[in-house]
Amino acid sequence: MALVGRVFVILFAFLAACLVAGMIVVGTVLYPEFSDLGYGPIDQDAINVVLGFGFIFLSGFALLPALVVVLVTEAFSIRSVLAYAVGGAIVGAACYLGLVPFDPQIMRFDGIVRRHLEIMTGAGIVAGLVYWLIAGRTAGAWRAPPLPSRPPPPMPSL
């Protein structure tokens, strides 16, 4: 029964991490437009739609690489914040490199934009930290046997 509860915690933590990563990616990619004061106020409804699409985009691409990180950390009860930050960086970089064309003849990615790779890697690090705050601190705890209950106090003698 503890495993079922743990799956829900992992799912919630993954969705929260993807939401934060999506906000970071959308905010940093749109930053040049935000910094120009000539455009006037920004439409909040449009920002909400873009954030929603960013969340859906990142959660779809990050699901399998993040699942590998989650399975490894749960299997070995890894609870280190650094492990989740590094895992998030790897997942973020993998999500970006999965979209960039790869030339197998020269064994090189064509068209890598360094700023975009840095944004995705940074968003992955923050997503890993958010995941650690929600679910990573107790990784593997569902396998621990329950603590033995204390015996009741002795009955008073008459």
Protein backbone atom coordinates (compact mmCIF):
# COMPACT_ATOMS: atom_id res chain seq x y z
CA MET A 1 0.00 0.00 0.00
CA ALA A 2 2.91 2.31 0.68
CA LEU A 3 4.09 1.83 -2.90
CA VAL A 4 0.80 3.11 -4.31
CA GLY A 5 1.04 6.24 -2.18
CA ARG A 6 4.66 6.69 -3.25
CA VAL A 7 3.67 6.54 -6.94
CA PHE A 8 1.21 9.41 -6.39
CA VAL A 9 3.88 11.44 -4.58
CA ILE A 10 6.32 10.83 -7.45
CA LEU A 11 3.70 11.84 -10.03
CA PHE A 12 2.84 15.03 -8.15
CA ALA A 13 6.54 15.90 -7.72
CA PHE A 14 7.20 15.28 -11.42
CA LEU A 15 4.32 17.53 -12.46
CA ALA A 16 5.42 20.29 -10.07
CA ALA A 17 9.00 20.05 -11.36
CA CYS A 18 7.77 20.25 -14.97
CA LEU A 19 5.65 23.29 -14.14
CA VAL A 20 8.63 25.10 -12.61
CA ALA A 21 10.91 24.11 -15.50
CA GLY A 22 8.29 25.27 -18.01
CA MET A 23 8.04 28.64 -16.27
CA ILE A 24 11.81 29.02 -16.37
CA VAL A 25 12.09 28.08 -20.04
CA VAL A 26 9.24 30.35 -21.13
CA GLY A 27 10.48 33.24 -18.99
CA THR A 28 14.05 33.06 -20.24
CA VAL A 29 13.17 32.53 -23.89
CA LEU A 30 10.74 35.47 -23.80
CA TYR A 31 13.07 37.67 -21.73
CA PRO A 32 14.18 39.84 -24.67
CA GLU A 33 10.54 40.75 -25.29
CA PHE A 34 9.96 41.41 -21.59
CA SER A 35 12.90 43.80 -21.36
CA ASP A 36 11.70 46.13 -24.12
CA LEU A 37 9.46 48.75 -22.55
CA GLY A 38 8.17 49.90 -25.94
CA TYR A 39 5.75 46.99 -26.20
CA GLY A 40 3.58 48.15 -23.31
CA PRO A 41 1.89 45.84 -20.81
CA ILE A 42 2.01 42.11 -21.43
CA ASP A 43 -1.27 40.26 -21.84
CA GLN A 44 -1.58 37.89 -18.86
CA ASP A 45 -3.90 35.51 -20.71
CA ALA A 46 -1.31 35.01 -23.44
CA ILE A 47 1.38 34.37 -20.83
CA ASN A 48 -0.84 31.76 -19.15
CA VAL A 49 -1.38 29.98 -22.46
CA VAL A 50 2.35 30.01 -23.24
CA LEU A 51 3.16 28.70 -19.74
CA GLY A 52 0.61 25.92 -20.21
CA PHE A 53 2.14 24.89 -23.51
CA GLY A 54 5.62 25.06 -21.97
CA PHE A 55 4.48 22.76 -19.15
CA ILE A 56 2.93 20.26 -21.56
CA PHE A 57 5.96 20.38 -23.86
CA LEU A 58 8.48 19.79 -21.08
CA SER A 59 6.48 17.13 -19.28
CA GLY A 60 6.09 15.17 -22.51
CA PHE A 61 9.75 15.29 -23.48
CA ALA A 62 11.12 14.83 -19.97
CA LEU A 63 8.96 11.89 -18.95
CA LEU A 64 11.20 9.00 -20.00
CA PRO A 65 14.59 10.48 -19.03
CA ALA A 66 13.17 11.64 -15.69
CA LEU A 67 11.62 8.22 -15.14
CA VAL A 68 15.08 6.66 -15.44
CA VAL A 69 16.44 9.06 -12.81
CA VAL A 70 13.47 8.38 -10.52
CA LEU A 71 13.82 4.60 -10.85
CA VAL A 72 17.55 4.70 -10.09
CA THR A 73 17.14 6.97 -7.08
CA GLU A 74 14.23 4.96 -5.69
CA ALA A 75 15.97 1.62 -6.25
CA PHE A 76 19.15 2.67 -4.47
CA SER A 77 17.48 5.03 -1.94
CA ILE A 78 19.55 7.98 -3.14
CA ARG A 79 18.46 11.07 -1.24
CA SER A 80 21.26 13.50 -2.04
CA VAL A 81 20.21 16.90 -3.34
CA LEU A 82 23.25 16.93 -5.60
CA ALA A 83 22.16 13.70 -7.27
CA TYR A 84 18.79 15.23 -8.17
CA ALA A 85 20.39 18.46 -9.42
CA VAL A 86 22.80 16.52 -11.65
CA GLY A 87 20.01 14.21 -12.79
CA GLY A 88 17.85 17.22 -13.66
CA ALA A 89 20.72 18.80 -15.60
CA ILE A 90 21.19 15.60 -17.59
CA VAL A 91 17.45 15.33 -18.28
CA GLY A 92 17.27 18.98 -19.38
CA ALA A 93 20.26 18.63 -21.69
CA ALA A 94 18.88 15.36 -23.07
CA CYS A 95 15.51 17.01 -23.79
CA TYR A 96 17.20 19.79 -25.74
CA LEU A 97 19.61 17.52 -27.60
CA GLY A 98 16.71 15.26 -28.51
CA LEU A 99 15.30 18.10 -30.61
CA VAL A 100 18.55 19.04 -32.36
CA PRO A 101 19.42 17.18 -35.58
CA PHE A 102 22.37 14.81 -35.31
CA ASP A 103 24.72 14.15 -38.24
CA PRO A 104 25.99 10.55 -37.89
CA GLN A 105 28.66 10.92 -40.58
CA ILE A 106 30.64 13.50 -38.63
CA MET A 107 29.21 12.46 -35.21
CA ARG A 108 28.08 15.95 -34.34
CA PHE A 109 24.89 17.83 -33.46
CA ASP A 110 23.99 20.44 -36.08
CA GLY A 111 22.51 23.73 -34.98
CA ILE A 112 23.06 23.75 -31.22
CA VAL A 113 22.24 27.15 -29.80
CA ARG A 114 24.35 27.47 -26.68
CA ARG A 115 21.91 29.78 -24.90
CA HIS A 116 19.05 27.33 -25.37
CA LEU A 117 21.16 24.44 -24.11
CA GLU A 118 22.06 26.48 -21.02
CA ILE A 119 18.41 27.39 -20.44
CA MET A 120 17.26 23.77 -20.65
CA THR A 121 20.09 22.54 -18.44
CA GLY A 122 19.38 25.23 -15.84
CA ALA A 123 15.66 24.49 -15.92
CA GLY A 124 16.48 20.82 -15.42
CA ILE A 125 18.60 21.62 -12.37
CA VAL A 126 15.80 23.66 -10.79
CA ALA A 127 13.28 20.94 -11.67
CA GLY A 128 15.52 18.37 -10.00
CA LEU A 129 15.65 20.51 -6.87
CA VAL A 130 11.87 20.92 -6.82
CA TYR A 131 11.47 17.16 -7.24
CA TRP A 132 13.91 16.58 -4.38
CA LEU A 133 11.95 18.94 -2.12
CA ILE A 134 8.71 17.05 -2.71
CA ALA A 135 9.69 13.41 -3.23
CA GLY A 136 13.45 12.94 -3.32
CA ARG A 137 14.15 13.47 0.36
CA THR A 138 12.29 10.25 1.16
CA ALA A 139 13.41 8.13 -1.80
CA GLY A 140 13.21 4.43 -1.06
CA ALA A 141 11.52 4.92 2.31
CA TRP A 142 8.50 2.90 1.20
CA ARG A 143 10.61 -0.29 1.35
CA ALA A 144 11.56 0.13 5.00
CA PRO A 145 9.68 -2.17 7.35
CA PRO A 146 7.36 -0.43 9.77
CA LEU A 147 8.79 0.37 13.14
CA PRO A 148 7.86 -2.21 15.80
CA SER A 149 5.14 -1.05 18.09
CA ARG A 150 5.90 -0.75 21.77
CA PRO A 151 4.30 -3.37 23.97
CA PRO A 152 1.52 -2.14 26.21
CA PRO A 153 2.44 -1.24 29.77
CA PRO A 154 2.09 -4.06 32.31
CA MET A 155 -1.20 -4.46 34.07
CA PRO A 156 -1.23 -3.16 37.63
CA SER A 157 -1.24 -5.89 40.25
CA LEU A 158 -3.97 -5.96 42.88
